């Protein structure tokens, strides 16, 4: 599945919402721009993305980067939570302001930022790596 130039608007009433959830070998790639809006006050969601065992998120390549815009988002878990899966953010451009933990990666999962550093993903709190997870 490929997302291209999308915006999400939805009423959220609890903090267990995930904008994107992948599991069971699902693979999603993106092109263009993804915008996530919260009208008015901050909205708390669990994560922008959760990748469970065997799934993959390909968030753009250096030659064709994806842009992700976040407005008024607070992450109760993390911007990106990866458990035994992989997420590629190499070349992704982030705009807007969000709060919460940047990433959570575990069980031999991997988050690739092409060496962009620990503060690259959206959020205002440090990410965590455990149980063989890798953040590069």
N, C-alpha and C. Protein backbone atom coordinates (compact mmCIF):
# COMPACT_ATOMS: atom_id res chain seq x y z
N UNK A 1 0.85 -1.16 0.00
CA UNK A 1 0.00 0.00 0.00
C UNK A 1 0.90 1.23 0.00
N UNK A 2 0.53 2.23 -0.76
CA UNK A 2 1.28 3.48 -0.80
C UNK A 2 0.36 4.64 -0.50
N UNK A 3 0.75 5.49 0.47
CA UNK A 3 0.04 6.73 0.76
C UNK A 3 0.72 7.85 -0.01
N UNK A 4 -0.05 8.73 -0.61
CA UNK A 4 0.54 9.86 -1.31
C UNK A 4 -0.27 11.11 -1.04
N UNK A 5 0.41 12.17 -0.58
CA UNK A 5 -0.21 13.48 -0.34
C UNK A 5 -1.54 13.37 0.39
N UNK A 6 -1.50 12.99 1.66
CA UNK A 6 -2.71 12.78 2.44
C UNK A 6 -2.76 13.67 3.66
N UNK A 7 -3.97 13.98 4.11
CA UNK A 7 -4.19 14.68 5.37
C UNK A 7 -5.21 13.91 6.18
N UNK A 8 -5.02 13.84 7.48
CA UNK A 8 -5.95 13.13 8.36
C UNK A 8 -6.65 14.12 9.27
N UNK A 9 -7.95 14.03 9.36
CA UNK A 9 -8.72 14.82 10.33
C UNK A 9 -9.77 13.88 10.92
N UNK A 10 -9.73 13.71 12.23
CA UNK A 10 -10.67 12.83 12.90
C UNK A 10 -10.82 13.26 14.34
N UNK A 11 -12.02 13.12 14.87
CA UNK A 11 -12.25 13.41 16.28
C UNK A 11 -11.69 12.26 17.10
N UNK A 12 -10.85 12.60 18.07
CA UNK A 12 -10.21 11.60 18.93
C UNK A 12 -10.65 11.85 20.36
N UNK A 13 -11.14 10.80 21.02
CA UNK A 13 -11.66 10.98 22.37
C UNK A 13 -10.83 10.26 23.42
N UNK A 14 -9.78 9.53 23.02
CA UNK A 14 -8.94 8.88 24.02
C UNK A 14 -7.51 8.83 23.53
N UNK A 15 -6.60 8.39 24.38
CA UNK A 15 -5.19 8.41 23.99
C UNK A 15 -4.67 7.06 23.51
N UNK A 16 -5.57 6.18 23.01
CA UNK A 16 -5.11 4.91 22.48
C UNK A 16 -5.15 4.90 20.95
N UNK A 17 -5.33 6.05 20.33
CA UNK A 17 -5.40 6.14 18.88
C UNK A 17 -4.01 6.03 18.26
N UNK A 18 -3.93 5.33 17.14
CA UNK A 18 -2.71 5.25 16.32
C UNK A 18 -3.11 5.70 14.93
N UNK A 19 -2.38 6.60 14.34
CA UNK A 19 -2.69 7.03 12.98
C UNK A 19 -2.41 5.89 12.01
N UNK A 20 -1.28 5.21 12.18
CA UNK A 20 -0.92 4.07 11.33
C UNK A 20 -0.53 2.90 12.22
N UNK A 21 -1.13 1.72 11.97
CA UNK A 21 -0.79 0.50 12.70
C UNK A 21 -0.50 -0.59 11.69
N UNK A 22 0.68 -1.20 11.78
CA UNK A 22 1.08 -2.25 10.86
C UNK A 22 1.41 -3.51 11.65
N UNK A 23 0.99 -4.66 11.14
CA UNK A 23 1.36 -5.93 11.77
C UNK A 23 1.28 -7.05 10.74
N UNK A 24 1.74 -8.22 11.14
CA UNK A 24 1.59 -9.42 10.32
C UNK A 24 2.18 -9.35 8.93
N UNK A 25 3.32 -8.71 8.77
CA UNK A 25 3.97 -8.66 7.47
C UNK A 25 3.50 -7.53 6.57
N UNK A 26 2.66 -6.64 7.05
CA UNK A 26 2.21 -5.51 6.24
C UNK A 26 3.38 -4.61 5.89
N UNK A 27 3.33 -4.03 4.71
CA UNK A 27 4.37 -3.10 4.28
C UNK A 27 3.70 -1.88 3.67
N UNK A 28 4.07 -0.70 4.13
CA UNK A 28 3.49 0.55 3.64
C UNK A 28 4.62 1.47 3.22
N UNK A 29 4.46 2.11 2.08
CA UNK A 29 5.42 3.12 1.66
C UNK A 29 4.67 4.43 1.45
N UNK A 30 5.40 5.52 1.50
CA UNK A 30 4.76 6.83 1.34
C UNK A 30 5.47 7.64 0.27
N UNK A 31 4.72 8.56 -0.30
CA UNK A 31 5.27 9.52 -1.25
C UNK A 31 4.58 10.84 -0.98
N UNK A 32 5.27 11.92 -1.16
CA UNK A 32 4.64 13.22 -1.00
C UNK A 32 4.50 13.63 0.44
N UNK A 33 3.33 14.18 0.81
CA UNK A 33 3.14 14.79 2.11
C UNK A 33 2.02 14.11 2.89
N UNK A 34 2.27 13.85 4.18
CA UNK A 34 1.24 13.39 5.11
C UNK A 34 1.08 14.48 6.16
N UNK A 35 -0.14 14.97 6.37
CA UNK A 35 -0.38 16.00 7.38
C UNK A 35 -1.36 15.46 8.41
N UNK A 36 -1.04 15.61 9.67
CA UNK A 36 -1.89 15.17 10.78
C UNK A 36 -2.27 16.42 11.56
N UNK A 37 -3.55 16.74 11.60
CA UNK A 37 -4.02 17.97 12.23
C UNK A 37 -4.84 17.68 13.48
N UNK A 38 -4.68 18.51 14.48
CA UNK A 38 -5.56 18.51 15.64
C UNK A 38 -6.04 19.94 15.79
N UNK A 39 -7.34 20.15 15.69
CA UNK A 39 -7.89 21.50 15.78
C UNK A 39 -7.89 21.98 17.21
N UNK A 40 -7.55 23.23 17.41
CA UNK A 40 -7.62 23.83 18.74
C UNK A 40 -6.53 23.33 19.66
N UNK A 41 -6.93 22.82 20.82
CA UNK A 41 -5.99 22.39 21.85
C UNK A 41 -5.27 21.12 21.43
N UNK A 42 -4.19 20.80 22.16
CA UNK A 42 -3.43 19.58 21.90
C UNK A 42 -4.33 18.35 22.00
N UNK A 43 -4.06 17.37 21.14
CA UNK A 43 -4.75 16.09 21.17
C UNK A 43 -3.73 15.02 21.51
N UNK A 44 -4.04 14.16 22.47
CA UNK A 44 -3.14 13.09 22.88
C UNK A 44 -3.52 11.81 22.15
N UNK A 45 -2.53 11.20 21.48
CA UNK A 45 -2.72 9.91 20.84
C UNK A 45 -1.60 8.99 21.30
N UNK A 46 -1.80 7.67 21.14
CA UNK A 46 -0.76 6.73 21.56
C UNK A 46 0.51 6.92 20.73
N UNK A 47 0.36 6.95 19.41
CA UNK A 47 1.52 7.05 18.53
C UNK A 47 1.08 7.45 17.14
N UNK A 48 1.95 8.10 16.40
CA UNK A 48 1.70 8.31 14.98
C UNK A 48 1.72 6.96 14.28
N UNK A 49 2.70 6.13 14.63
CA UNK A 49 2.83 4.84 14.00
C UNK A 49 3.28 3.78 14.97
N UNK A 50 2.66 2.58 14.86
CA UNK A 50 3.09 1.41 15.59
C UNK A 50 3.34 0.31 14.57
N UNK A 51 4.56 -0.26 14.56
CA UNK A 51 4.92 -1.37 13.68
C UNK A 51 5.16 -2.59 14.56
N UNK A 52 4.31 -3.60 14.42
CA UNK A 52 4.49 -4.83 15.18
C UNK A 52 5.22 -5.87 14.32
N UNK A 53 5.57 -6.98 14.93
CA UNK A 53 6.42 -8.02 14.37
C UNK A 53 6.17 -8.28 12.88
N UNK A 54 7.25 -8.19 12.11
CA UNK A 54 7.22 -8.55 10.70
C UNK A 54 6.75 -7.48 9.74
N UNK A 55 6.39 -6.31 10.22
CA UNK A 55 5.88 -5.27 9.33
C UNK A 55 6.98 -4.27 8.97
N UNK A 56 6.70 -3.42 7.97
CA UNK A 56 7.71 -2.45 7.52
C UNK A 56 7.04 -1.16 7.09
N UNK A 57 7.64 -0.03 7.47
CA UNK A 57 7.23 1.31 7.03
C UNK A 57 8.40 1.87 6.25
N UNK A 58 8.15 2.24 5.01
CA UNK A 58 9.18 2.85 4.18
C UNK A 58 8.75 4.29 3.99
N UNK A 59 9.30 5.16 4.82
CA UNK A 59 8.85 6.54 4.86
C UNK A 59 9.56 7.48 3.92
N UNK A 60 10.00 6.99 2.81
CA UNK A 60 10.64 7.86 1.84
C UNK A 60 12.10 7.53 1.67
N UNK A 61 12.66 8.03 0.63
CA UNK A 61 14.07 7.82 0.34
C UNK A 61 14.71 9.19 0.15
N UNK A 62 16.01 9.22 0.22
CA UNK A 62 16.73 10.49 0.07
C UNK A 62 16.35 11.17 -1.24
N UNK A 63 16.18 10.40 -2.32
CA UNK A 63 15.88 10.99 -3.62
C UNK A 63 14.41 11.40 -3.76
N UNK A 64 13.52 10.85 -2.95
CA UNK A 64 12.10 11.18 -3.00
C UNK A 64 11.54 11.22 -1.59
N UNK A 65 11.96 12.23 -0.79
CA UNK A 65 11.60 12.24 0.63
C UNK A 65 10.11 12.48 0.87
N UNK A 66 9.64 11.90 1.94
CA UNK A 66 8.29 12.14 2.42
C UNK A 66 8.34 13.30 3.40
N UNK A 67 7.28 14.09 3.44
CA UNK A 67 7.15 15.15 4.43
C UNK A 67 5.99 14.81 5.35
N UNK A 68 6.22 14.85 6.65
CA UNK A 68 5.17 14.58 7.64
C UNK A 68 4.98 15.82 8.48
N UNK A 69 3.78 16.39 8.42
CA UNK A 69 3.45 17.57 9.20
C UNK A 69 2.54 17.20 10.36
N UNK A 70 2.90 17.63 11.56
CA UNK A 70 2.12 17.33 12.76
C UNK A 70 1.71 18.64 13.42
N UNK A 71 0.45 18.74 13.81
CA UNK A 71 -0.04 19.95 14.45
C UNK A 71 -0.75 19.58 15.75
N UNK A 72 -0.30 20.14 16.86
CA UNK A 72 -0.93 19.96 18.17
C UNK A 72 -1.04 18.50 18.61
N UNK A 73 -0.01 17.69 18.36
CA UNK A 73 -0.06 16.28 18.73
C UNK A 73 0.78 16.02 19.98
N UNK A 74 0.25 15.19 20.86
CA UNK A 74 0.96 14.72 22.06
C UNK A 74 0.94 13.20 22.02
N UNK A 75 2.11 12.56 22.15
CA UNK A 75 2.20 11.11 22.06
C UNK A 75 2.29 10.49 23.45
N UNK A 76 1.30 9.67 23.83
CA UNK A 76 1.32 9.03 25.15
C UNK A 76 2.32 7.88 25.18
N UNK A 77 2.60 7.25 24.04
CA UNK A 77 3.60 6.18 23.97
C UNK A 77 4.87 6.69 23.30
N UNK A 78 4.78 7.04 22.03
CA UNK A 78 5.92 7.57 21.28
C UNK A 78 5.43 7.97 19.89
N UNK A 79 6.17 8.84 19.21
CA UNK A 79 5.85 9.15 17.82
C UNK A 79 5.87 7.87 16.99
N UNK A 80 6.91 7.07 17.17
CA UNK A 80 7.06 5.82 16.43
C UNK A 80 7.44 4.70 17.39
N UNK A 81 6.62 3.66 17.45
CA UNK A 81 6.90 2.48 18.28
C UNK A 81 7.11 1.28 17.37
N UNK A 82 8.28 0.66 17.45
CA UNK A 82 8.62 -0.46 16.58
C UNK A 82 8.98 -1.65 17.46
N UNK A 83 8.26 -2.76 17.24
CA UNK A 83 8.47 -3.99 18.01
C UNK A 83 8.74 -5.12 17.02
N UNK A 84 10.01 -5.53 16.88
CA UNK A 84 10.34 -6.63 15.98
C UNK A 84 10.00 -6.34 14.53
N UNK A 85 10.04 -5.10 14.14
CA UNK A 85 9.71 -4.69 12.78
C UNK A 85 10.71 -3.63 12.35
N UNK A 86 10.41 -2.90 11.28
CA UNK A 86 11.33 -1.85 10.85
C UNK A 86 10.58 -0.63 10.36
N UNK A 87 11.20 0.52 10.56
CA UNK A 87 10.66 1.78 10.07
C UNK A 87 11.80 2.60 9.49
N UNK A 88 11.62 3.07 8.26
CA UNK A 88 12.65 3.84 7.58
C UNK A 88 12.20 5.28 7.43
N UNK A 89 12.92 6.20 8.06
CA UNK A 89 12.61 7.62 7.96
C UNK A 89 13.74 8.39 7.26
N UNK A 90 14.63 7.68 6.56
CA UNK A 90 15.75 8.32 5.89
C UNK A 90 15.22 9.35 4.89
N UNK A 91 15.64 10.58 5.05
CA UNK A 91 15.23 11.64 4.13
C UNK A 91 13.87 12.25 4.41
N UNK A 92 13.17 11.79 5.44
CA UNK A 92 11.85 12.35 5.76
C UNK A 92 12.01 13.74 6.36
N UNK A 93 11.13 14.65 5.98
CA UNK A 93 11.14 16.01 6.49
C UNK A 93 9.95 16.16 7.44
N UNK A 94 10.20 16.63 8.66
CA UNK A 94 9.13 16.82 9.65
C UNK A 94 8.87 18.30 9.85
N UNK A 95 7.59 18.68 9.93
CA UNK A 95 7.22 20.06 10.21
C UNK A 95 6.22 20.08 11.35
N UNK A 96 6.11 21.22 12.01
CA UNK A 96 5.17 21.36 13.11
C UNK A 96 5.80 21.02 14.45
N UNK A 97 4.99 21.08 15.48
CA UNK A 97 5.46 20.85 16.85
C UNK A 97 4.62 19.74 17.47
N UNK A 98 5.29 18.83 18.15
CA UNK A 98 4.59 17.76 18.87
C UNK A 98 5.35 17.49 20.16
N UNK A 99 4.65 16.82 21.09
CA UNK A 99 5.25 16.52 22.40
C UNK A 99 5.15 15.03 22.68
N UNK A 100 6.04 14.56 23.51
CA UNK A 100 6.06 13.16 23.89
C UNK A 100 7.36 12.50 23.44
N UNK A 101 7.48 11.21 23.75
CA UNK A 101 8.67 10.45 23.42
C UNK A 101 8.81 10.31 21.90
N UNK A 102 10.03 10.45 21.41
CA UNK A 102 10.28 10.41 19.97
C UNK A 102 10.14 9.00 19.39
N UNK A 103 10.70 8.00 20.04
CA UNK A 103 10.65 6.64 19.51
C UNK A 103 10.78 5.62 20.62
N UNK A 104 10.35 4.41 20.29
CA UNK A 104 10.47 3.25 21.17
C UNK A 104 10.73 2.07 20.24
N UNK A 105 11.87 1.43 20.37
CA UNK A 105 12.20 0.31 19.49
C UNK A 105 12.71 -0.86 20.33
N UNK A 106 12.18 -2.07 20.05
CA UNK A 106 12.53 -3.23 20.85
C UNK A 106 12.41 -4.53 20.04
N UNK A 107 12.80 -5.62 20.67
CA UNK A 107 12.71 -6.97 20.12
C UNK A 107 13.29 -7.08 18.72
N UNK A 108 14.54 -6.64 18.59
CA UNK A 108 15.29 -6.69 17.33
C UNK A 108 14.66 -5.85 16.22
N UNK A 109 13.82 -4.91 16.58
CA UNK A 109 13.26 -3.98 15.60
C UNK A 109 14.30 -2.93 15.24
N UNK A 110 14.03 -2.16 14.16
CA UNK A 110 14.98 -1.16 13.72
C UNK A 110 14.27 0.09 13.23
N UNK A 111 14.82 1.23 13.60
CA UNK A 111 14.39 2.52 13.07
C UNK A 111 15.59 3.13 12.36
N UNK A 112 15.43 3.42 11.06
CA UNK A 112 16.50 3.98 10.26
C UNK A 112 16.22 5.45 9.98
N UNK A 113 17.13 6.31 10.44
CA UNK A 113 17.04 7.74 10.14
C UNK A 113 18.24 8.18 9.30
N UNK A 114 18.98 7.22 8.78
CA UNK A 114 20.20 7.48 8.01
C UNK A 114 21.21 8.30 8.81
N UNK A 115 21.27 8.02 10.11
CA UNK A 115 22.24 8.69 10.97
C UNK A 115 21.87 10.12 11.35
N UNK A 116 20.60 10.47 11.25
CA UNK A 116 20.17 11.85 11.52
C UNK A 116 20.20 12.22 13.00
N UNK A 117 20.38 11.26 13.89
CA UNK A 117 20.54 11.57 15.31
C UNK A 117 19.31 11.30 16.15
N UNK A 118 19.52 11.28 17.46
CA UNK A 118 18.47 10.91 18.42
C UNK A 118 17.33 11.91 18.48
N UNK A 119 17.54 13.16 18.08
CA UNK A 119 16.49 14.17 18.14
C UNK A 119 15.78 14.39 16.81
N UNK A 120 16.00 13.55 15.84
CA UNK A 120 15.46 13.71 14.49
C UNK A 120 13.94 13.54 14.43
N UNK A 121 13.41 12.51 15.08
CA UNK A 121 11.97 12.26 15.02
C UNK A 121 11.21 13.27 15.89
N UNK A 122 9.96 13.53 15.56
CA UNK A 122 9.17 14.51 16.33
C UNK A 122 8.96 14.10 17.78
N UNK A 123 8.84 15.09 18.64
CA UNK A 123 8.63 14.89 20.06
C UNK A 123 9.59 15.76 20.85
N UNK A 124 9.38 15.77 22.16
CA UNK A 124 10.26 16.59 23.01
C UNK A 124 10.91 15.79 24.13
N UNK A 125 10.79 14.44 24.05
CA UNK A 125 11.40 13.58 25.05
C UNK A 125 12.24 12.52 24.35
N UNK A 126 13.30 12.10 25.02
CA UNK A 126 14.22 11.11 24.44
C UNK A 126 13.50 9.81 24.11
N UNK A 127 13.98 9.15 23.06
CA UNK A 127 13.46 7.85 22.71
C UNK A 127 14.14 6.75 23.50
N UNK A 128 13.63 5.53 23.40
CA UNK A 128 14.21 4.39 24.12
C UNK A 128 14.45 3.22 23.19
N UNK A 129 15.54 2.48 23.47
CA UNK A 129 15.91 1.28 22.75
C UNK A 129 16.07 0.17 23.78
N UNK A 130 15.43 -0.99 23.54
CA UNK A 130 15.55 -2.10 24.48
C UNK A 130 15.48 -3.43 23.75
N UNK A 131 15.88 -4.50 24.42
CA UNK A 131 15.75 -5.88 23.94
C UNK A 131 16.22 -6.06 22.51
N UNK A 132 17.42 -5.56 22.20
CA UNK A 132 17.98 -5.77 20.87
C UNK A 132 17.50 -4.83 19.79
N UNK A 133 16.73 -3.83 20.14
CA UNK A 133 16.28 -2.83 19.17
C UNK A 133 17.45 -1.99 18.67
N UNK A 134 17.30 -1.40 17.49
CA UNK A 134 18.35 -0.59 16.89
C UNK A 134 17.76 0.71 16.37
N UNK A 135 18.44 1.82 16.68
CA UNK A 135 18.07 3.14 16.16
C UNK A 135 19.31 3.72 15.49
N UNK A 136 19.23 3.90 14.18
CA UNK A 136 20.39 4.43 13.43
C UNK A 136 19.97 5.59 12.55
